[in-house]
């Protein structure tokens, strides 16, 4: 949990909007004694804000766009023994549901996992712990949604993991006793490269099943207009690139 909190603080201070705000504050502090440096930092922070809010930038740096990410076929799934769906966060204390439930991103993965289960009949494992000390684990929220809303049974629920590496290692521990090592892995296309590498590292033979595939980049004049949605997309993309870099450095 300490490592999870540390990583969240670090990414908040690095990624937009936290990173540019921190640089701007530093520039304001230095402005009186080191005017040139202070002004430079403030201007740089403003440029970071502007660039991160442009759709053209958020699209250009989006992981998965220039990688070999393709939709899965029935033939690809034939040899797999199970489907693993990765968690992607919770909508905490949702008043309309009266409890924690899945975030929009998690629901996208769960929906695709249910779709693949219906096509193949392969058993499902859902993985995700309590990264924010929520009452409900991500995996339990996924299980409830799959069974109660999609009518799809969940065979295994892994509730200890706090990150992608944990997802892989704890899922392998769960399925090792079942003699299962050939899996279909469900996550977003932007996350698939890192996720599949971690699951293969844990001992799985992985068949990638990405969702939200953005295989082709297309631009328009509107992509030159700043937007809050683009800044959010830029932050998510940079988060994934940072994750890849950290996982590469650490192992």
Protein backbone atom coordinates (compact mmCIF):
# COMPACT_ATOMS: atom_id res chain seq x y z
CA UNK A 1 0.00 0.00 0.00
CA UNK A 2 2.90 2.40 0.77
CA UNK A 3 4.27 1.86 -2.73
CA UNK A 4 0.84 2.52 -4.25
CA UNK A 5 0.42 5.78 -2.31
CA UNK A 6 3.94 6.89 -3.22
CA UNK A 7 3.33 6.24 -6.92
CA UNK A 8 0.05 8.16 -6.81
CA UNK A 9 1.70 11.17 -5.16
CA UNK A 10 4.56 11.07 -7.68
CA UNK A 11 2.28 10.91 -10.71
CA UNK A 12 0.08 13.70 -9.30
CA UNK A 13 3.14 15.94 -9.00
CA UNK A 14 4.46 15.06 -12.46
CA UNK A 15 1.43 14.73 -14.73
CA UNK A 16 -0.90 17.56 -15.79
CA UNK A 17 -2.39 19.51 -14.21
CA UNK A 18 -0.27 18.88 -11.07
CA UNK A 19 3.12 19.05 -12.81
CA UNK A 20 2.56 22.40 -14.56
CA UNK A 21 1.02 23.88 -11.39
CA UNK A 22 4.07 22.83 -9.36
CA UNK A 23 6.43 24.38 -11.93
CA UNK A 24 4.39 27.58 -11.98
CA UNK A 25 4.46 27.85 -8.17
CA UNK A 26 8.21 27.36 -8.23
CA UNK A 27 8.50 30.12 -10.82
CA UNK A 28 6.43 32.49 -8.65
CA UNK A 29 8.63 31.72 -5.63
CA UNK A 30 11.80 32.48 -7.62
CA UNK A 31 10.37 35.51 -9.39
CA UNK A 32 11.61 38.16 -6.95
CA UNK A 33 15.22 37.00 -6.54
CA UNK A 34 15.73 35.23 -9.87
CA UNK A 35 13.35 37.05 -12.18
CA UNK A 36 14.57 35.57 -15.47
CA UNK A 37 14.44 31.99 -14.19
CA UNK A 38 11.06 32.59 -12.54
CA UNK A 39 9.55 34.01 -15.72
CA UNK A 40 10.99 31.13 -17.75
CA UNK A 41 9.41 28.55 -15.44
CA UNK A 42 6.03 30.30 -15.48
CA UNK A 43 6.01 30.52 -19.29
CA UNK A 44 7.10 26.87 -19.54
CA UNK A 45 4.28 25.81 -17.20
CA UNK A 46 1.72 27.75 -19.26
CA UNK A 47 2.99 26.10 -22.44
CA UNK A 48 2.69 22.69 -20.75
CA UNK A 49 -0.90 23.50 -19.78
CA UNK A 50 -1.74 24.58 -23.31
CA UNK A 51 -0.02 21.65 -25.04
CA UNK A 52 -1.56 19.04 -22.74
CA UNK A 53 -5.04 20.43 -23.45
CA UNK A 54 -4.74 20.08 -27.24
CA UNK A 55 -6.46 17.03 -28.80
CA UNK A 56 -3.71 16.86 -31.43
CA UNK A 57 -1.17 16.27 -28.65
CA UNK A 58 -3.31 13.81 -26.69
CA UNK A 59 -3.86 11.73 -29.84
CA UNK A 60 -0.22 11.82 -30.90
CA UNK A 61 1.08 10.43 -27.58
CA UNK A 62 -1.70 7.90 -26.99
CA UNK A 63 -0.22 4.44 -26.27
CA UNK A 64 -1.49 1.72 -28.56
CA UNK A 65 -2.03 3.99 -31.55
CA UNK A 66 1.24 3.04 -33.23
CA UNK A 67 1.56 -0.49 -31.85
CA UNK A 68 0.46 -3.86 -33.22
CA UNK A 69 -2.87 -3.89 -31.35
CA UNK A 70 -5.62 -5.80 -33.11
CA UNK A 71 -9.02 -7.22 -32.24
CA UNK A 72 -9.05 -10.87 -31.19
CA UNK A 73 -10.65 -13.59 -33.34
CA UNK A 74 -12.33 -16.88 -32.45
CA UNK A 75 -9.33 -18.78 -33.85
CA UNK A 76 -7.00 -16.83 -31.55
CA UNK A 77 -9.01 -17.89 -28.49
CA UNK A 78 -9.20 -21.60 -29.24
CA UNK A 79 -6.22 -22.73 -27.14
CA UNK A 80 -6.85 -20.46 -24.13
CA UNK A 81 -8.15 -21.96 -20.89
CA UNK A 82 -9.47 -18.88 -19.12
CA UNK A 83 -10.26 -15.18 -19.55
CA UNK A 84 -8.69 -12.64 -17.17
CA UNK A 85 -10.23 -9.17 -16.91
CA UNK A 86 -8.16 -6.43 -15.26
CA UNK A 87 -9.72 -3.87 -12.94
CA UNK A 88 -9.70 -0.16 -13.85
CA UNK A 89 -11.01 1.66 -10.80
CA UNK A 90 -14.24 2.23 -8.93
CA UNK A 91 -17.02 4.79 -8.81
CA UNK A 92 -16.85 5.15 -5.03
CA UNK A 93 -19.99 5.56 -2.90
CA UNK A 94 -22.24 5.83 -5.96
CA UNK A 95 -25.47 7.35 -4.54
CA UNK A 96 -27.69 5.90 -7.25
CA UNK A 97 -26.43 2.38 -6.47
CA UNK A 98 -25.98 2.79 -2.72
CA UNK A 99 -22.45 1.33 -2.80
CA UNK A 100 -19.19 1.30 -4.70
CA UNK A 101 -19.51 0.24 -8.32
CA UNK A 102 -17.36 0.15 -11.44
CA UNK A 103 -15.81 3.19 -13.09
CA UNK A 104 -16.51 3.78 -16.75
CA UNK A 105 -13.15 2.33 -17.80
CA UNK A 106 -13.67 -0.80 -15.71
CA UNK A 107 -17.12 -1.24 -17.18
CA UNK A 108 -15.65 -1.18 -20.70
CA UNK A 109 -13.33 -4.05 -19.80
CA UNK A 110 -16.06 -6.01 -18.02
CA UNK A 111 -18.42 -5.67 -20.95
CA UNK A 112 -15.80 -7.03 -23.33
CA UNK A 113 -14.96 -9.86 -20.93
CA UNK A 114 -18.64 -10.85 -20.83
CA UNK A 115 -18.78 -10.72 -24.63
CA UNK A 116 -15.76 -13.02 -24.97
CA UNK A 117 -17.14 -15.44 -22.37
CA UNK A 118 -20.38 -15.78 -24.33
CA UNK A 119 -18.44 -16.43 -27.54
CA UNK A 120 -16.06 -18.99 -26.08
CA UNK A 121 -17.50 -20.40 -22.85
CA UNK A 122 -14.09 -19.88 -21.18
CA UNK A 123 -14.23 -19.30 -17.39
CA UNK A 124 -13.59 -15.80 -16.07
CA UNK A 125 -11.12 -14.48 -13.52
CA UNK A 126 -11.43 -10.85 -12.39
CA UNK A 127 -8.54 -9.13 -10.66
CA UNK A 128 -8.28 -5.93 -8.62
CA UNK A 129 -7.85 -5.12 -4.94
CA UNK A 130 -8.56 -2.13 -2.66
CA UNK A 131 -6.09 0.51 -3.96
CA UNK A 132 -7.99 3.36 -2.27
CA UNK A 133 -9.07 1.42 0.84
CA UNK A 134 -12.60 1.11 -0.50
CA UNK A 135 -15.15 -1.15 1.16
CA UNK A 136 -15.53 -3.14 -2.05
CA UNK A 137 -12.57 -4.49 -4.00
CA UNK A 138 -12.38 -3.83 -7.72
CA UNK A 139 -12.64 -7.57 -8.36
CA UNK A 140 -15.76 -7.95 -6.21
CA UNK A 141 -17.42 -5.00 -7.96
CA UNK A 142 -16.54 -6.61 -11.29
CA UNK A 143 -17.94 -9.96 -10.19
CA UNK A 144 -21.22 -8.41 -9.06
CA UNK A 145 -21.60 -6.48 -12.30
CA UNK A 146 -20.82 -9.49 -14.47
CA UNK A 147 -23.17 -11.82 -12.62
CA UNK A 148 -26.02 -9.48 -11.75
CA UNK A 149 -26.08 -7.20 -14.80
CA UNK A 150 -24.54 -9.27 -17.60
CA UNK A 151 -25.70 -12.70 -16.38
CA UNK A 152 -22.17 -14.09 -16.73
CA UNK A 153 -20.62 -16.30 -13.99
CA UNK A 154 -17.21 -15.50 -12.51
CA UNK A 155 -15.07 -18.51 -11.63
CA UNK A 156 -12.26 -16.75 -9.71
CA UNK A 157 -11.98 -13.41 -7.87
CA UNK A 158 -8.51 -12.05 -7.08
CA UNK A 159 -8.73 -9.19 -4.57
CA UNK A 160 -5.15 -8.51 -3.39
CA UNK A 161 -3.59 -6.66 -6.32
CA UNK A 162 -2.83 -2.92 -6.31
CA UNK A 163 -1.20 -2.57 -9.74
CA UNK A 164 -0.65 -4.40 -13.03
CA UNK A 165 2.32 -6.41 -11.73
CA UNK A 166 0.22 -7.57 -8.77
CA UNK A 167 -2.62 -8.47 -11.15
CA UNK A 168 -0.27 -10.76 -13.03
CA UNK A 169 1.45 -12.40 -10.06
CA UNK A 170 -1.64 -12.99 -7.94
CA UNK A 171 -3.65 -14.21 -10.92
CA UNK A 172 -0.92 -16.72 -11.69
CA UNK A 173 -0.97 -17.92 -8.08
CA UNK A 174 -4.76 -18.31 -8.31
CA UNK A 175 -4.73 -20.31 -11.55
CA UNK A 176 -1.53 -22.29 -11.00
CA UNK A 177 -3.38 -24.74 -8.76
CA UNK A 178 -5.94 -25.22 -11.53
CA UNK A 179 -3.22 -26.11 -14.02
CA UNK A 180 -4.12 -23.08 -16.17
CA UNK A 181 -1.45 -20.99 -17.86
CA UNK A 182 -2.96 -20.16 -21.27
CA UNK A 183 -5.18 -17.10 -20.93
CA UNK A 184 -7.09 -14.45 -22.82
CA UNK A 185 -6.16 -11.09 -21.29
CA UNK A 186 -8.72 -8.27 -21.34
CA UNK A 187 -7.63 -4.67 -20.82
CA UNK A 188 -7.56 -1.43 -22.81
CA UNK A 189 -5.44 -1.32 -25.96
CA UNK A 190 -3.35 1.50 -24.47
CA UNK A 191 -2.51 -0.72 -21.48
CA UNK A 192 -2.08 -4.03 -23.31
CA UNK A 193 1.64 -3.87 -24.10
CA UNK A 194 2.61 -3.43 -20.44
CA UNK A 195 -0.08 -5.79 -19.13
CA UNK A 196 0.71 -8.67 -21.48
CA UNK A 197 4.43 -8.34 -20.72
CA UNK A 198 3.75 -8.58 -16.98
CA UNK A 199 1.45 -11.59 -17.35
CA UNK A 200 3.99 -13.39 -19.53
CA UNK A 201 6.66 -12.54 -16.97
CA UNK A 202 4.47 -14.09 -14.26
CA UNK A 203 4.28 -17.37 -16.22
CA UNK A 204 1.23 -17.09 -18.49
CA UNK A 205 0.92 -17.76 -22.19
CA UNK A 206 -1.05 -14.64 -23.16
CA UNK A 207 -3.54 -14.07 -25.95
CA UNK A 208 -4.22 -10.28 -25.94
CA UNK A 209 -7.86 -9.19 -26.11
CA UNK A 210 -7.73 -5.38 -26.17
CA UNK A 211 -10.74 -3.10 -26.00
CA UNK A 212 -11.00 0.58 -26.98
CA UNK A 213 -8.66 0.10 -29.92
CA UNK A 214 -7.51 3.30 -31.63
CA UNK A 215 -5.56 1.75 -34.46
CA UNK A 216 -5.63 4.71 -36.85
CA UNK A 217 -4.94 8.33 -35.98
CA UNK A 218 -7.18 10.92 -37.60
CA UNK A 219 -6.92 14.67 -37.08
CA UNK A 220 -9.14 17.65 -37.77
CA UNK A 221 -8.98 21.40 -37.30
CA UNK A 222 -10.91 21.02 -34.05
CA UNK A 223 -7.94 19.11 -32.63
CA UNK A 224 -6.12 22.43 -32.43
CA UNK A 225 -8.65 23.78 -29.92
CA UNK A 226 -7.85 23.17 -26.23
CA UNK A 227 -10.26 21.09 -24.16
CA UNK A 228 -10.49 19.59 -20.68
CA UNK A 229 -11.15 16.16 -22.18
CA UNK A 230 -7.89 16.33 -24.12
CA UNK A 231 -5.95 17.24 -20.97
CA UNK A 232 -7.48 14.24 -19.20
CA UNK A 233 -6.53 12.01 -22.14
CA UNK A 234 -2.99 13.41 -22.17
CA UNK A 235 -2.60 12.73 -18.44
CA UNK A 236 -3.80 9.13 -18.87
CA UNK A 237 -1.40 8.55 -21.76
CA UNK A 238 1.55 10.01 -19.87
CA UNK A 239 0.60 7.85 -16.88
CA UNK A 240 0.84 4.74 -19.05
CA UNK A 241 4.19 5.82 -20.52
CA UNK A 242 5.52 6.45 -17.00
CA UNK A 243 4.25 3.03 -15.95
CA UNK A 244 6.05 1.37 -18.84
CA UNK A 245 9.26 3.20 -18.03
CA UNK A 246 9.07 2.28 -14.34
CA UNK A 247 8.31 -1.39 -15.03
CA UNK A 248 11.22 -1.50 -17.50
CA UNK A 249 13.61 0.06 -15.00
CA UNK A 250 12.43 -2.07 -12.08
CA UNK A 251 12.54 -5.44 -13.72
